[in-house]
């Protein structure tokens, strides 16, 4: 029997709570920071949180597959796939900043049906199913924004845009909006979904960075595409907005 959306969200909350308990133990403590092959940092908190969630999934849903940032694929041909990023924003975590979170997604036949951004420090559990979005059981939506000049724009890494997309076009957009902040990683998408920002951008993403964001942004009434305005799955980067200015943002990013 296939689990209901309510059952999947309830289990996602269990994953978020368990991983948060572990992550909080290491925050601002004396752990060792290692560098992976791509020079991104990883810690015992990243690995421990993912291991814990994988064990819980295997116990609760042994027929499901898993893709995690730290430990790769498990049963990749299963129709249901959990996609995990235990600490999205490890650079923030190791800098003692609280702008990081845990990403949890469940895919059915390759499309995400539940997405979670959990902030372990604030106990903020943001979950979407593509139709609705809730922050700690309260419905949240994107906010209205009809002009680029009124928008708050966020991104993860300004100079990384120049490595993967049209950096000059992005810089022109950053100067046209009302305000531009580097509130990056999952926190930027959290802000769009909860009405705190209007545009969030990433020039390149892995599946574990992306999949949870789609049901959240869409559930909150927003739009998420790749950098060129196409399906974000299999695309190049991600752009999330409240919706009404999305087409114009894509046009400005791709002159």
Protein backbone atom coordinates (compact mmCIF):
# COMPACT_ATOMS: atom_id res chain seq x y z
CA UNK A 1 0.00 0.00 0.00
CA UNK A 2 1.33 3.41 -0.94
CA UNK A 3 1.66 5.85 1.99
CA UNK A 4 -0.55 8.94 2.00
CA UNK A 5 0.89 12.44 1.70
CA UNK A 6 0.02 13.03 5.35
CA UNK A 7 1.94 9.91 6.40
CA UNK A 8 4.94 10.94 4.30
CA UNK A 9 4.97 14.45 5.78
CA UNK A 10 4.72 12.98 9.29
CA UNK A 11 7.67 10.69 8.61
CA UNK A 12 9.61 13.59 7.07
CA UNK A 13 9.11 15.47 10.34
CA UNK A 14 10.58 12.50 12.21
CA UNK A 15 13.63 12.57 9.90
CA UNK A 16 13.99 16.32 10.39
CA UNK A 17 13.72 16.13 14.18
CA UNK A 18 16.19 13.26 14.52
CA UNK A 19 18.79 14.84 12.23
CA UNK A 20 18.34 18.22 13.95
CA UNK A 21 19.08 16.71 17.36
CA UNK A 22 22.37 15.35 16.02
CA UNK A 23 23.36 18.51 14.12
CA UNK A 24 22.75 20.77 17.14
CA UNK A 25 25.25 18.74 19.18
CA UNK A 26 28.04 19.68 16.78
CA UNK A 27 27.14 23.31 16.01
CA UNK A 28 29.97 25.61 17.19
CA UNK A 29 31.83 22.65 18.69
CA UNK A 30 35.33 21.29 18.09
CA UNK A 31 34.70 19.02 15.08
CA UNK A 32 37.20 18.57 12.24
CA UNK A 33 36.43 20.16 8.86
CA UNK A 34 37.47 18.03 5.89
CA UNK A 35 37.58 19.08 2.23
CA UNK A 36 35.98 16.90 -0.43
CA UNK A 37 37.33 16.51 -3.97
CA UNK A 38 35.48 19.65 -5.10
CA UNK A 39 36.99 21.57 -2.16
CA UNK A 40 33.63 21.89 -0.40
CA UNK A 41 33.70 21.26 3.36
CA UNK A 42 32.20 18.26 5.13
CA UNK A 43 31.95 17.44 8.83
CA UNK A 44 30.93 14.65 11.17
CA UNK A 45 27.57 16.43 11.48
CA UNK A 46 26.89 16.10 7.72
CA UNK A 47 27.78 12.43 7.65
CA UNK A 48 26.16 11.53 10.95
CA UNK A 49 22.86 13.23 10.09
CA UNK A 50 22.65 11.51 6.71
CA UNK A 51 23.52 8.11 8.16
CA UNK A 52 20.80 8.51 10.76
CA UNK A 53 18.14 9.48 8.21
CA UNK A 54 19.15 6.64 5.89
CA UNK A 55 18.79 4.12 8.72
CA UNK A 56 15.32 5.45 9.57
CA UNK A 57 14.19 5.29 5.93
CA UNK A 58 15.50 1.75 5.44
CA UNK A 59 13.66 0.65 8.57
CA UNK A 60 10.35 2.39 7.75
CA UNK A 61 10.32 2.01 3.95
CA UNK A 62 12.72 -0.82 3.03
CA UNK A 63 11.45 -0.85 -0.56
CA UNK A 64 12.33 2.84 -1.13
CA UNK A 65 15.55 4.15 -2.67
CA UNK A 66 17.82 6.87 -1.29
CA UNK A 67 20.14 9.47 -2.81
CA UNK A 68 22.26 11.42 -0.33
CA UNK A 69 25.02 13.96 -0.80
CA UNK A 70 27.47 12.12 1.45
CA UNK A 71 26.75 8.43 0.75
CA UNK A 72 25.29 8.27 -2.76
CA UNK A 73 22.62 5.94 -4.15
CA UNK A 74 20.76 3.05 -2.56
CA UNK A 75 18.22 1.08 -4.64
CA UNK A 76 18.26 3.71 -7.43
CA UNK A 77 15.62 1.87 -9.50
CA UNK A 78 12.92 2.02 -6.80
CA UNK A 79 9.83 4.09 -7.79
CA UNK A 80 10.06 6.05 -4.51
CA UNK A 81 13.37 7.83 -3.85
CA UNK A 82 14.36 9.88 -0.81
CA UNK A 83 16.84 12.65 -1.62
CA UNK A 84 18.86 13.99 1.32
CA UNK A 85 21.19 16.91 1.93
CA UNK A 86 21.90 16.69 5.67
CA UNK A 87 23.44 20.18 5.88
CA UNK A 88 22.70 22.42 2.91
CA UNK A 89 25.04 25.30 3.60
CA UNK A 90 27.96 23.52 5.26
CA UNK A 91 30.11 26.61 4.61
CA UNK A 92 27.70 28.56 6.82
CA UNK A 93 27.67 25.78 9.41
CA UNK A 94 31.46 25.69 9.75
CA UNK A 95 31.50 29.51 9.93
CA UNK A 96 29.15 29.36 12.94
CA UNK A 97 26.35 30.99 10.93
CA UNK A 98 22.76 29.77 11.31
CA UNK A 99 21.88 30.16 7.58
CA UNK A 100 21.89 26.45 6.80
CA UNK A 101 19.30 23.70 6.80
CA UNK A 102 18.49 20.08 6.13
CA UNK A 103 16.87 19.21 2.80
CA UNK A 104 14.62 16.17 2.54
CA UNK A 105 12.66 15.23 -0.57
CA UNK A 106 10.62 12.24 -1.64
CA UNK A 107 10.38 11.50 -5.36
CA UNK A 108 7.82 9.27 -7.05
CA UNK A 109 8.80 8.18 -10.54
CA UNK A 110 11.42 10.91 -10.72
CA UNK A 111 9.27 13.87 -9.58
CA UNK A 112 9.34 15.31 -6.04
CA UNK A 113 6.03 14.97 -4.19
CA UNK A 114 7.18 16.16 -0.74
CA UNK A 115 9.95 18.63 0.08
CA UNK A 116 11.35 19.82 3.42
CA UNK A 117 13.66 22.62 4.50
CA UNK A 118 14.37 22.14 8.20
CA UNK A 119 16.36 24.64 10.27
CA UNK A 120 17.85 22.60 13.14
CA UNK A 121 18.64 25.65 15.26
CA UNK A 122 15.29 27.45 14.98
CA UNK A 123 13.12 24.31 14.86
CA UNK A 124 11.57 25.69 11.68
CA UNK A 125 10.02 22.84 9.68
CA UNK A 126 9.00 24.06 6.22
CA UNK A 127 7.27 21.44 4.10
CA UNK A 128 5.47 21.53 0.77
CA UNK A 129 3.62 19.02 -1.38
CA UNK A 130 3.41 21.06 -4.58
CA UNK A 131 -0.10 22.23 -3.76
CA UNK A 132 0.36 23.78 -0.32
CA UNK A 133 3.22 24.78 1.96
CA UNK A 134 3.38 24.91 5.75
CA UNK A 135 5.84 26.39 8.23
CA UNK A 136 5.36 24.63 11.58
CA UNK A 137 1.76 23.67 10.63
CA UNK A 138 0.91 27.22 9.47
CA UNK A 139 0.09 27.79 5.79
CA UNK A 140 2.61 30.08 4.09
CA UNK A 141 2.67 31.62 0.63
CA UNK A 142 4.89 33.78 -1.51
CA UNK A 143 4.24 37.51 -1.35
CA UNK A 144 2.99 39.69 -4.22
CA UNK A 145 5.67 41.50 -6.20
CA UNK A 146 4.87 42.89 -9.63
CA UNK A 147 7.98 44.96 -10.41
CA UNK A 148 11.65 44.06 -10.54
CA UNK A 149 12.39 47.36 -8.82
CA UNK A 150 10.37 46.25 -5.77
CA UNK A 151 12.01 42.84 -5.48
CA UNK A 152 14.44 41.44 -2.93
CA UNK A 153 16.98 39.22 -4.71
CA UNK A 154 19.09 36.57 -3.01
CA UNK A 155 21.77 34.16 -4.20
CA UNK A 156 24.23 31.70 -2.72
CA UNK A 157 27.49 32.87 -4.31
CA UNK A 158 27.70 36.00 -6.46
CA UNK A 159 30.93 35.09 -8.26
CA UNK A 160 29.83 31.52 -8.94
CA UNK A 161 27.26 32.94 -11.36
CA UNK A 162 30.14 34.10 -13.56
CA UNK A 163 31.48 30.52 -13.63
CA UNK A 164 28.27 28.91 -14.87
CA UNK A 165 25.83 31.52 -16.27
CA UNK A 166 25.79 35.08 -17.66
CA UNK A 167 27.44 36.94 -14.79
CA UNK A 168 27.09 40.39 -16.32
CA UNK A 169 23.34 39.93 -16.79
CA UNK A 170 22.98 38.77 -13.20
CA UNK A 171 24.98 41.74 -11.93
CA UNK A 172 22.73 44.12 -13.88
CA UNK A 173 19.68 42.48 -12.27
CA UNK A 174 21.27 42.79 -8.82
CA UNK A 175 21.63 46.54 -9.33
CA UNK A 176 18.04 46.98 -10.57
CA UNK A 177 16.18 45.29 -7.72
CA UNK A 178 15.23 47.07 -4.51
CA UNK A 179 17.70 45.03 -2.47
CA UNK A 180 20.26 42.29 -3.09
CA UNK A 181 21.53 39.96 -0.35
CA UNK A 182 23.70 36.84 -0.20
CA UNK A 183 21.19 34.90 1.88
CA UNK A 184 22.03 31.70 0.10
CA UNK A 185 21.63 27.95 0.01
CA UNK A 186 18.25 26.65 1.16
CA UNK A 187 17.66 29.75 3.30
CA UNK A 188 17.03 31.86 0.20
CA UNK A 189 14.30 29.50 -1.02
CA UNK A 190 12.85 29.41 2.49
CA UNK A 191 12.56 33.21 2.31
CA UNK A 192 10.79 33.15 -1.07
CA UNK A 193 8.32 30.49 0.10
CA UNK A 194 7.50 32.33 3.34
CA UNK A 195 7.17 35.79 1.79
CA UNK A 196 10.47 37.30 2.93
CA UNK A 197 12.15 37.61 -0.48
CA UNK A 198 11.06 37.63 -4.11
CA UNK A 199 13.84 36.03 -6.17
CA UNK A 200 16.32 33.28 -5.25
CA UNK A 201 18.96 32.08 -7.68
CA UNK A 202 21.61 29.37 -7.96
CA UNK A 203 23.63 29.01 -11.19
CA UNK A 204 24.29 25.31 -10.63
CA UNK A 205 22.75 22.69 -8.31
CA UNK A 206 22.96 18.97 -7.59
CA UNK A 207 19.82 16.87 -7.19
CA UNK A 208 20.19 16.84 -3.39
CA UNK A 209 20.27 20.66 -3.44
CA UNK A 210 17.25 20.97 -5.73
CA UNK A 211 14.57 18.33 -5.29
CA UNK A 212 13.16 19.46 -1.94
CA UNK A 213 12.80 23.03 -3.19
CA UNK A 214 10.32 22.24 -5.96
CA UNK A 215 7.28 21.10 -3.90
CA UNK A 216 7.98 23.90 -1.40
CA UNK A 217 8.12 26.80 -3.87
CA UNK A 218 5.23 25.47 -5.95
CA UNK A 219 3.20 24.66 -2.84
CA UNK A 220 3.67 28.23 -1.64
CA UNK A 221 2.31 29.54 -4.95
CA UNK A 222 5.64 30.42 -6.52
CA UNK A 223 7.50 29.33 -9.62
CA UNK A 224 10.81 27.48 -9.83
CA UNK A 225 12.62 26.76 -13.09
CA UNK A 226 16.17 26.30 -14.25
CA UNK A 227 18.22 29.41 -15.16
CA UNK A 228 16.75 29.44 -18.67
CA UNK A 229 13.13 29.05 -17.56
CA UNK A 230 12.81 25.31 -18.21
CA UNK A 231 11.97 22.36 -15.96
CA UNK A 232 14.44 22.58 -13.06
CA UNK A 233 14.88 18.80 -13.03
CA UNK A 234 17.75 18.05 -15.36
CA UNK A 235 18.22 21.73 -16.07
CA UNK A 236 20.92 24.27 -15.34
CA UNK A 237 20.75 25.92 -11.94
CA UNK A 238 17.55 27.23 -10.38
CA UNK A 239 15.54 30.45 -10.21
CA UNK A 240 12.63 30.69 -7.76
CA UNK A 241 10.24 33.64 -7.57
CA UNK A 242 6.81 34.54 -6.33
CA UNK A 243 5.61 34.02 -9.89
CA UNK A 244 4.40 37.29 -11.34
CA UNK A 245 7.87 38.55 -12.28
CA UNK A 246 9.35 35.16 -13.13
CA UNK A 247 9.28 35.49 -16.92
CA UNK A 248 10.89 38.92 -16.75
CA UNK A 249 13.60 37.67 -14.38
CA UNK A 250 14.43 34.83 -16.80
CA UNK A 251 14.54 37.26 -19.71
CA UNK A 252 16.90 39.59 -17.84
CA UNK A 253 19.19 36.72 -16.83
CA UNK A 254 19.42 35.49 -20.43
CA UNK A 255 19.68 38.55 -22.68
